[in-house]
Amino acid sequence: MEQKSPPPVKARRRYDSSGRRERARQTRDQITDIAKEMFLADGYADTTVAAIAAAAHVSVETIYKGFAGKPGLVRAIIEKGLAGEGPVPAEQRSDHIRDTEPDPRRIVAAWGAFTAEIGPRVYPIFLLARDAAVGDPEVAATLEQLSAARLERMTVNACGLAKAGHLRPGITVEQAADIMWALTSVGLYELLVLRRGWTPERYGQFLAQTLTNTLLPAPGT
């Protein structure tokens, strides 16, 4: 009796998660953009998670799962703003210039330009969160964590300058990091840009010139 061959085994289709990740990224961006707009328009306290969810056409549970509430949204908005414009995050672009550019003045000028680029994206939210932190310990803790991360970032940059021999004699890595941390604070941006009407570009140029004069050796030395 002739035996029938078993039916061919269908190859299992490989699951491609890239589409799902991209949709999740788009949803996250939509939520953070809407949250930022509502925070700035209505204030932190008066903006509810339910209102953000409704405007973004997602569930409240989605926001809590993805951000753990309003403090997490503030962090996500700021982190997104720190990436700056374009496909390559500002931090990566900054690292590349710091590690490849031999002229320290060009490095510092680029840092000023990056600050001008990301300032309008993040400082308004920083100011809003700073006011909210007075009565919200979770927001206060979030801002402390972000401040500590910024100091750590400035320390990495200061170490890069020191390793390349770019720091002015007598300036330590710790001092350089503190100076950069202070000059990139939201308070200085608030005073010069928001109160005195400087453009972000002028602020970035001022920052670069001040860092050059303070941290780098004088020309010809």
C-alpha atoms as a PDB file:
ATOM      1  CA  MET A   1       0.000   0.000   0.000  1.00  0.00           C
ATOM      2  CA  GLU A   2       1.427   3.373  -1.016  1.00  0.00           C
ATOM      3  CA  GLN A   3       2.159   5.690   1.876  1.00  0.00           C
ATOM      4  CA  LYS A   4       1.166   9.285   1.535  1.00  0.00           C
ATOM      5  CA  SER A   5       3.827  11.873   2.218  1.00  0.00           C
ATOM      6  CA  PRO A   6       3.123  14.065   5.215  1.00  0.00           C
ATOM      7  CA  PRO A   7       1.976  17.568   4.356  1.00  0.00           C
ATOM      8  CA  PRO A   8       4.816  20.075   4.190  1.00  0.00           C
ATOM      9  CA  VAL A   9       5.458  21.930   7.391  1.00  0.00           C
ATOM     10  CA  LYS A  10       4.761  25.584   6.994  1.00  0.00           C
ATOM     11  CA  ALA A  11       7.636  27.757   8.073  1.00  0.00           C
ATOM     12  CA  ARG A  12       6.725  29.817  11.107  1.00  0.00           C
ATOM     13  CA  ARG A  13       6.576  33.447  10.243  1.00  0.00           C
ATOM     14  CA  ARG A  14       9.124  35.418  12.208  1.00  0.00           C
ATOM     15  CA  TYR A  15       7.466  38.000  14.397  1.00  0.00           C
ATOM     16  CA  ASP A  16       8.597  41.497  13.534  1.00  0.00           C
ATOM     17  CA  SER A  17       8.260  43.755  16.543  1.00  0.00           C
ATOM     18  CA  SER A  18       9.692  46.832  14.832  1.00  0.00           C
ATOM     19  CA  GLY A  19       6.260  48.042  13.773  1.00  0.00           C
ATOM     20  CA  ARG A  20       4.877  47.631  17.262  1.00  0.00           C
ATOM     21  CA  ARG A  21       7.829  49.528  18.748  1.00  0.00           C
ATOM     22  CA  GLU A  22       7.397  52.345  16.258  1.00  0.00           C
ATOM     23  CA  ARG A  23       3.693  52.661  17.066  1.00  0.00           C
ATOM     24  CA  ALA A  24       4.516  52.700  20.769  1.00  0.00           C
ATOM     25  CA  ARG A  25       7.104  55.431  20.183  1.00  0.00           C
ATOM     26  CA  GLN A  26       4.618  57.504  18.209  1.00  0.00           C
ATOM     27  CA  THR A  27       2.002  57.122  20.939  1.00  0.00           C
ATOM     28  CA  ARG A  28       4.528  58.127  23.587  1.00  0.00           C
ATOM     29  CA  ASP A  29       5.559  61.188  21.582  1.00  0.00           C
ATOM     30  CA  GLN A  30       1.924  62.143  21.098  1.00  0.00           C
ATOM     31  CA  ILE A  31       1.239  61.896  24.818  1.00  0.00           C
ATOM     32  CA  THR A  32       4.283  63.940  25.816  1.00  0.00           C
ATOM     33  CA  ASP A  33       3.570  66.617  23.199  1.00  0.00           C
ATOM     34  CA  ILE A  34      -0.027  66.975  24.358  1.00  0.00           C
ATOM     35  CA  ALA A  35       0.973  66.944  28.026  1.00  0.00           C
ATOM     36  CA  LYS A  36       3.546  69.682  27.417  1.00  0.00           C
ATOM     37  CA  GLU A  37       1.016  71.826  25.594  1.00  0.00           C
ATOM     38  CA  MET A  38      -1.573  71.393  28.335  1.00  0.00           C
ATOM     39  CA  PHE A  39       0.891  71.956  31.184  1.00  0.00           C
ATOM     40  CA  LEU A  40       2.073  75.225  29.664  1.00  0.00           C
ATOM     41  CA  ALA A  41      -1.442  76.390  28.809  1.00  0.00           C
ATOM     42  CA  ASP A  42      -3.319  75.387  31.971  1.00  0.00           C
ATOM     43  CA  GLY A  43      -0.621  74.893  34.596  1.00  0.00           C
ATOM     44  CA  TYR A  44       0.682  71.733  36.203  1.00  0.00           C
ATOM     45  CA  ALA A  45      -1.811  71.473  39.058  1.00  0.00           C
ATOM     46  CA  ASP A  46      -4.883  72.126  36.899  1.00  0.00           C
ATOM     47  CA  THR A  47      -3.912  69.605  34.224  1.00  0.00           C
ATOM     48  CA  THR A  48      -5.154  66.125  35.072  1.00  0.00           C
ATOM     49  CA  VAL A  49      -3.961  62.794  33.760  1.00  0.00           C
ATOM     50  CA  ALA A  50      -7.535  62.122  32.664  1.00  0.00           C
ATOM     51  CA  ALA A  51      -7.562  65.293  30.550  1.00  0.00           C
ATOM     52  CA  ILE A  52      -4.243  64.400  28.932  1.00  0.00           C
ATOM     53  CA  ALA A  53      -5.478  60.874  28.215  1.00  0.00           C
ATOM     54  CA  ALA A  54      -8.667  62.188  26.631  1.00  0.00           C
ATOM     55  CA  ALA A  55      -6.791  64.638  24.423  1.00  0.00           C
ATOM     56  CA  ALA A  56      -4.321  61.936  23.358  1.00  0.00           C
ATOM     57  CA  HIS A  57      -7.105  59.367  22.785  1.00  0.00           C
ATOM     58  CA  VAL A  58      -5.527  56.849  25.149  1.00  0.00           C
ATOM     59  CA  SER A  59      -6.622  55.393  28.450  1.00  0.00           C
ATOM     60  CA  VAL A  60      -5.596  56.757  31.820  1.00  0.00           C
ATOM     61  CA  GLU A  61      -4.031  53.364  32.492  1.00  0.00           C
ATOM     62  CA  THR A  62      -1.798  53.795  29.439  1.00  0.00           C
ATOM     63  CA  ILE A  63      -0.366  57.002  30.855  1.00  0.00           C
ATOM     64  CA  TYR A  64       0.191  55.584  34.319  1.00  0.00           C
ATOM     65  CA  LYS A  65       1.761  52.465  32.836  1.00  0.00           C
ATOM     66  CA  GLY A  66       4.068  54.441  30.571  1.00  0.00           C
ATOM     67  CA  PHE A  67       4.887  57.424  32.774  1.00  0.00           C
ATOM     68  CA  ALA A  68       3.700  56.677  36.320  1.00  0.00           C
ATOM     69  CA  GLY A  69       1.737  59.917  36.455  1.00  0.00           C
ATOM     70  CA  LYS A  70       2.422  63.621  35.973  1.00  0.00           C
ATOM     71  CA  PRO A  71       5.962  63.738  37.435  1.00  0.00           C
ATOM     72  CA  GLY A  72       6.970  61.042  34.972  1.00  0.00           C
ATOM     73  CA  LEU A  73       5.435  63.044  32.153  1.00  0.00           C
ATOM     74  CA  VAL A  74       7.523  66.055  33.174  1.00  0.00           C
ATOM     75  CA  ARG A  75      10.658  63.918  33.080  1.00  0.00           C
ATOM     76  CA  ALA A  76       9.736  62.468  29.679  1.00  0.00           C
ATOM     77  CA  ILE A  77       9.025  65.912  28.220  1.00  0.00           C
ATOM     78  CA  ILE A  78      12.381  67.235  29.406  1.00  0.00           C
ATOM     79  CA  GLU A  79      14.297  64.175  28.214  1.00  0.00           C
ATOM     80  CA  LYS A  80      12.687  64.467  24.804  1.00  0.00           C
ATOM     81  CA  GLY A  81      13.549  68.156  24.658  1.00  0.00           C
ATOM     82  CA  LEU A  82      17.166  67.446  25.564  1.00  0.00           C
ATOM     83  CA  ALA A  83      17.485  65.345  22.411  1.00  0.00           C
ATOM     84  CA  GLY A  84      17.154  68.544  20.383  1.00  0.00           C
ATOM     85  CA  GLU A  85      16.365  68.641  16.681  1.00  0.00           C
ATOM     86  CA  GLY A  86      16.980  66.026  14.033  1.00  0.00           C
ATOM     87  CA  PRO A  87      17.604  62.275  14.082  1.00  0.00           C
ATOM     88  CA  VAL A  88      20.831  62.377  16.121  1.00  0.00           C
ATOM     89  CA  PRO A  89      20.334  63.368  19.785  1.00  0.00           C
ATOM     90  CA  ALA A  90      22.121  66.523  20.897  1.00  0.00           C
ATOM     91  CA  GLU A  91      24.094  64.606  23.512  1.00  0.00           C
ATOM     92  CA  GLN A  92      25.581  62.309  20.872  1.00  0.00           C
ATOM     93  CA  ARG A  93      26.447  65.259  18.649  1.00  0.00           C
ATOM     94  CA  SER A  94      28.041  67.003  21.604  1.00  0.00           C
ATOM     95  CA  ASP A  95      30.081  63.939  22.527  1.00  0.00           C
ATOM     96  CA  HIS A  96      31.317  63.597  18.956  1.00  0.00           C
ATOM     97  CA  ILE A  97      32.546  67.192  18.830  1.00  0.00           C
ATOM     98  CA  ARG A  98      34.124  66.963  22.291  1.00  0.00           C
ATOM     99  CA  ASP A  99      36.009  63.791  21.386  1.00  0.00           C
ATOM    100  CA  THR A 100      37.091  64.680  17.835  1.00  0.00           C
ATOM    101  CA  GLU A 101      37.515  68.466  17.633  1.00  0.00           C
ATOM    102  CA  PRO A 102      41.083  69.575  18.509  1.00  0.00           C
ATOM    103  CA  ASP A 103      40.168  73.242  19.042  1.00  0.00           C
ATOM    104  CA  PRO A 104      38.616  73.694  22.520  1.00  0.00           C
ATOM    105  CA  ARG A 105      37.041  76.993  21.504  1.00  0.00           C
ATOM    106  CA  ARG A 106      35.047  75.249  18.809  1.00  0.00           C
ATOM    107  CA  ILE A 107      33.979  72.617  21.323  1.00  0.00           C
ATOM    108  CA  VAL A 108      32.697  75.245  23.732  1.00  0.00           C
ATOM    109  CA  ALA A 109      31.039  77.207  20.917  1.00  0.00           C
ATOM    110  CA  ALA A 110      29.180  74.046  19.942  1.00  0.00           C
ATOM    111  CA  TRP A 111      28.024  73.580  23.534  1.00  0.00           C
ATOM    112  CA  GLY A 112      26.604  77.089  23.468  1.00  0.00           C
ATOM    113  CA  ALA A 113      24.787  76.329  20.211  1.00  0.00           C
ATOM    114  CA  PHE A 114      23.372  73.109  21.643  1.00  0.00           C
ATOM    115  CA  THR A 115      22.083  75.030  24.673  1.00  0.00           C
ATOM    116  CA  ALA A 116      20.377  77.529  22.372  1.00  0.00           C
ATOM    117  CA  GLU A 117      18.831  74.622  20.474  1.00  0.00           C
ATOM    118  CA  ILE A 118      17.390  72.750  23.436  1.00  0.00           C
ATOM    119  CA  GLY A 119      16.675  75.708  25.733  1.00  0.00           C
ATOM    120  CA  PRO A 120      13.245  76.624  24.338  1.00  0.00           C
ATOM    121  CA  ARG A 121      12.299  72.940  24.418  1.00  0.00           C
ATOM    122  CA  VAL A 122      13.087  72.271  28.060  1.00  0.00           C
ATOM    123  CA  TYR A 123      13.420  75.416  30.161  1.00  0.00           C
ATOM    124  CA  PRO A 124       9.712  76.406  30.103  1.00  0.00           C
ATOM    125  CA  ILE A 125       8.839  72.974  31.489  1.00  0.00           C
ATOM    126  CA  PHE A 126      11.628  73.230  34.058  1.00  0.00           C
ATOM    127  CA  LEU A 127      10.184  76.528  35.252  1.00  0.00           C
ATOM    128  CA  LEU A 128       6.661  75.140  35.421  1.00  0.00           C
ATOM    129  CA  ALA A 129       7.874  72.088  37.351  1.00  0.00           C
ATOM    130  CA  ARG A 130       9.949  74.270  39.672  1.00  0.00           C
ATOM    131  CA  ASP A 131       6.826  76.156  40.691  1.00  0.00           C
ATOM    132  CA  ALA A 132       4.859  72.927  41.062  1.00  0.00           C
ATOM    133  CA  ALA A 133       7.597  71.388  43.196  1.00  0.00           C
ATOM    134  CA  VAL A 134       6.797  73.781  46.042  1.00  0.00           C
ATOM    135  CA  GLY A 135       3.702  71.752  46.869  1.00  0.00           C
ATOM    136  CA  ASP A 136       4.485  68.429  45.215  1.00  0.00           C
ATOM    137  CA  PRO A 137       7.283  66.275  46.687  1.00  0.00           C
ATOM    138  CA  GLU A 138       7.254  63.947  43.681  1.00  0.00           C
ATOM    139  CA  VAL A 139       7.919  66.792  41.275  1.00  0.00           C
ATOM    140  CA  ALA A 140      10.601  68.135  43.608  1.00  0.00           C
ATOM    141  CA  ALA A 141      12.304  64.734  43.646  1.00  0.00           C
ATOM    142  CA  THR A 142      12.120  64.537  39.859  1.00  0.00           C
ATOM    143  CA  LEU A 143      13.797  67.928  39.500  1.00  0.00           C
ATOM    144  CA  GLU A 144      16.532  66.939  41.957  1.00  0.00           C
ATOM    145  CA  GLN A 145      17.226  63.822  39.924  1.00  0.00           C
ATOM    146  CA  LEU A 146      17.373  65.801  36.693  1.00  0.00           C
ATOM    147  CA  SER A 147      19.680  68.351  38.284  1.00  0.00           C
ATOM    148  CA  ALA A 148      21.989  65.601  39.494  1.00  0.00           C
ATOM    149  CA  ALA A 149      22.011  64.082  36.016  1.00  0.00           C
ATOM    150  CA  ARG A 150      22.926  67.463  34.512  1.00  0.00           C
ATOM    151  CA  LEU A 151      25.814  67.834  36.960  1.00  0.00           C
ATOM    152  CA  GLU A 152      26.997  64.349  36.041  1.00  0.00           C
ATOM    153  CA  ARG A 153      26.825  65.315  32.377  1.00  0.00           C
ATOM    154  CA  MET A 154      28.837  68.487  33.000  1.00  0.00           C
ATOM    155  CA  THR A 155      31.411  66.424  34.884  1.00  0.00           C
ATOM    156  CA  VAL A 156      31.818  64.143  31.856  1.00  0.00           C
ATOM    157  CA  ASN A 157      32.369  67.209  29.672  1.00  0.00           C
ATOM    158  CA  ALA A 158      34.849  68.689  32.133  1.00  0.00           C
ATOM    159  CA  CYS A 159      36.756  65.396  32.213  1.00  0.00           C
ATOM    160  CA  GLY A 160      36.893  65.478  28.414  1.00  0.00           C
ATOM    161  CA  LEU A 161      38.411  68.953  28.457  1.00  0.00           C
ATOM    162  CA  ALA A 162      40.903  67.971  31.144  1.00  0.00           C
ATOM    163  CA  LYS A 163      41.937  64.762  29.352  1.00  0.00           C
ATOM    164  CA  ALA A 164      42.670  66.742  26.181  1.00  0.00           C
ATOM    165  CA  GLY A 165      44.653  69.354  28.146  1.00  0.00           C
ATOM    166  CA  HIS A 166      42.136  72.108  27.449  1.00  0.00           C
ATOM    167  CA  LEU A 167      41.432  73.361  30.975  1.00  0.00           C
ATOM    168  CA  ARG A 168      42.996  76.579  32.203  1.00  0.00           C
ATOM    169  CA  PRO A 169      45.773  75.974  34.768  1.00  0.00           C
ATOM    170  CA  GLY A 170      44.353  76.023  38.279  1.00  0.00           C
ATOM    171  CA  ILE A 171      40.851  74.944  37.218  1.00  0.00           C
ATOM    172  CA  THR A 172      39.980  71.462  38.457  1.00  0.00           C
ATOM    173  CA  VAL A 173      37.511  69.097  36.829  1.00  0.00           C
ATOM    174  CA  GLU A 174      35.132  69.605  39.747  1.00  0.00           C
ATOM    175  CA  GLN A 175      35.312  73.390  39.447  1.00  0.00           C
ATOM    176  CA  ALA A 176      34.788  73.250  35.694  1.00  0.00           C
ATOM    177  CA  ALA A 177      31.779  70.977  36.113  1.00  0.00           C
ATOM    178  CA  ASP A 178      30.272  73.276  38.740  1.00  0.00           C
ATOM    179  CA  ILE A 179      30.723  76.318  36.495  1.00  0.00           C
ATOM    180  CA  MET A 180      29.097  74.618  33.504  1.00  0.00           C
ATOM    181  CA  TRP A 181      26.304  73.288  35.708  1.00  0.00           C
ATOM    182  CA  ALA A 182      25.581  76.775  37.087  1.00  0.00           C
ATOM    183  CA  LEU A 183      25.685  78.532  33.711  1.00  0.00           C
ATOM    184  CA  THR A 184      23.281  76.037  32.149  1.00  0.00           C
ATOM    185  CA  SER A 185      20.766  76.356  34.968  1.00  0.00           C
ATOM    186  CA  VAL A 186      17.175  77.316  34.336  1.00  0.00           C
ATOM    187  CA  GLY A 187      17.595  80.398  36.532  1.00  0.00           C
ATOM    188  CA  LEU A 188      20.107  82.092  34.254  1.00  0.00           C
ATOM    189  CA  TYR A 189      18.035  81.290  31.167  1.00  0.00           C
ATOM    190  CA  GLU A 190      14.976  82.725  32.891  1.00  0.00           C
ATOM    191  CA  LEU A 191      16.764  85.970  33.712  1.00  0.00           C
ATOM    192  CA  LEU A 192      18.383  86.612  30.351  1.00  0.00           C
ATOM    193  CA  VAL A 193      15.960  85.106  27.837  1.00  0.00           C
ATOM    194  CA  LEU A 194      12.547  85.297  29.478  1.00  0.00           C
ATOM    195  CA  ARG A 195      12.987  88.478  31.510  1.00  0.00           C
ATOM    196  CA  ARG A 196      15.553  90.457  29.556  1.00  0.00           C
ATOM    197  CA  GLY A 197      14.392  89.326  26.131  1.00  0.00           C
ATOM    198  CA  TRP A 198      17.585  87.768  24.846  1.00  0.00           C
ATOM    199  CA  THR A 199      17.208  85.307  22.013  1.00  0.00           C
ATOM    200  CA  PRO A 200      18.264  81.727  22.728  1.00  0.00           C
ATOM    201  CA  GLU A 201      21.050  82.197  20.180  1.00  0.00           C
ATOM    202  CA  ARG A 202      22.425  85.226  22.016  1.00  0.00           C
ATOM    203  CA  TYR A 203      22.218  83.304  25.285  1.00  0.00           C
ATOM    204  CA  GLY A 204      24.116  80.394  23.724  1.00  0.00           C
ATOM    205  CA  GLN A 205      26.819  82.731  22.445  1.00  0.00           C
ATOM    206  CA  PHE A 206      27.108  84.377  25.854  1.00  0.00           C
ATOM    207  CA  LEU A 207      27.383  80.970  27.486  1.00  0.00           C
ATOM    208  CA  ALA A 208      30.112  79.873  25.087  1.00  0.00           C
ATOM    209  CA  GLN A 209      32.097  83.095  25.532  1.00  0.00           C
ATOM    210  CA  THR A 210      31.818  82.949  29.321  1.00  0.00           C
ATOM    211  CA  LEU A 211      32.933  79.313  29.416  1.00  0.00           C
ATOM    212  CA  THR A 212      35.807  80.102  27.054  1.00  0.00           C
ATOM    213  CA  ASN A 213      37.006  82.981  29.212  1.00  0.00           C
ATOM    214  CA  THR A 214      36.606  81.025  32.438  1.00  0.00           C
ATOM    215  CA  LEU A 215      37.728  77.500  31.600  1.00  0.00           C
ATOM    216  CA  LEU A 216      40.137  77.640  28.701  1.00  0.00           C
ATOM    217  CA  PRO A 217      43.727  78.866  28.643  1.00  0.00           C
ATOM    218  CA  ALA A 218      44.252  82.362  27.283  1.00  0.00           C
ATOM    219  CA  PRO A 219      45.178  82.438  23.569  1.00  0.00           C
ATOM    220  CA  GLY A 220      48.875  81.928  22.970  1.00  0.00           C
ATOM    221  CA  THR A 221      49.534  80.192  26.289  1.00  0.00           C
END
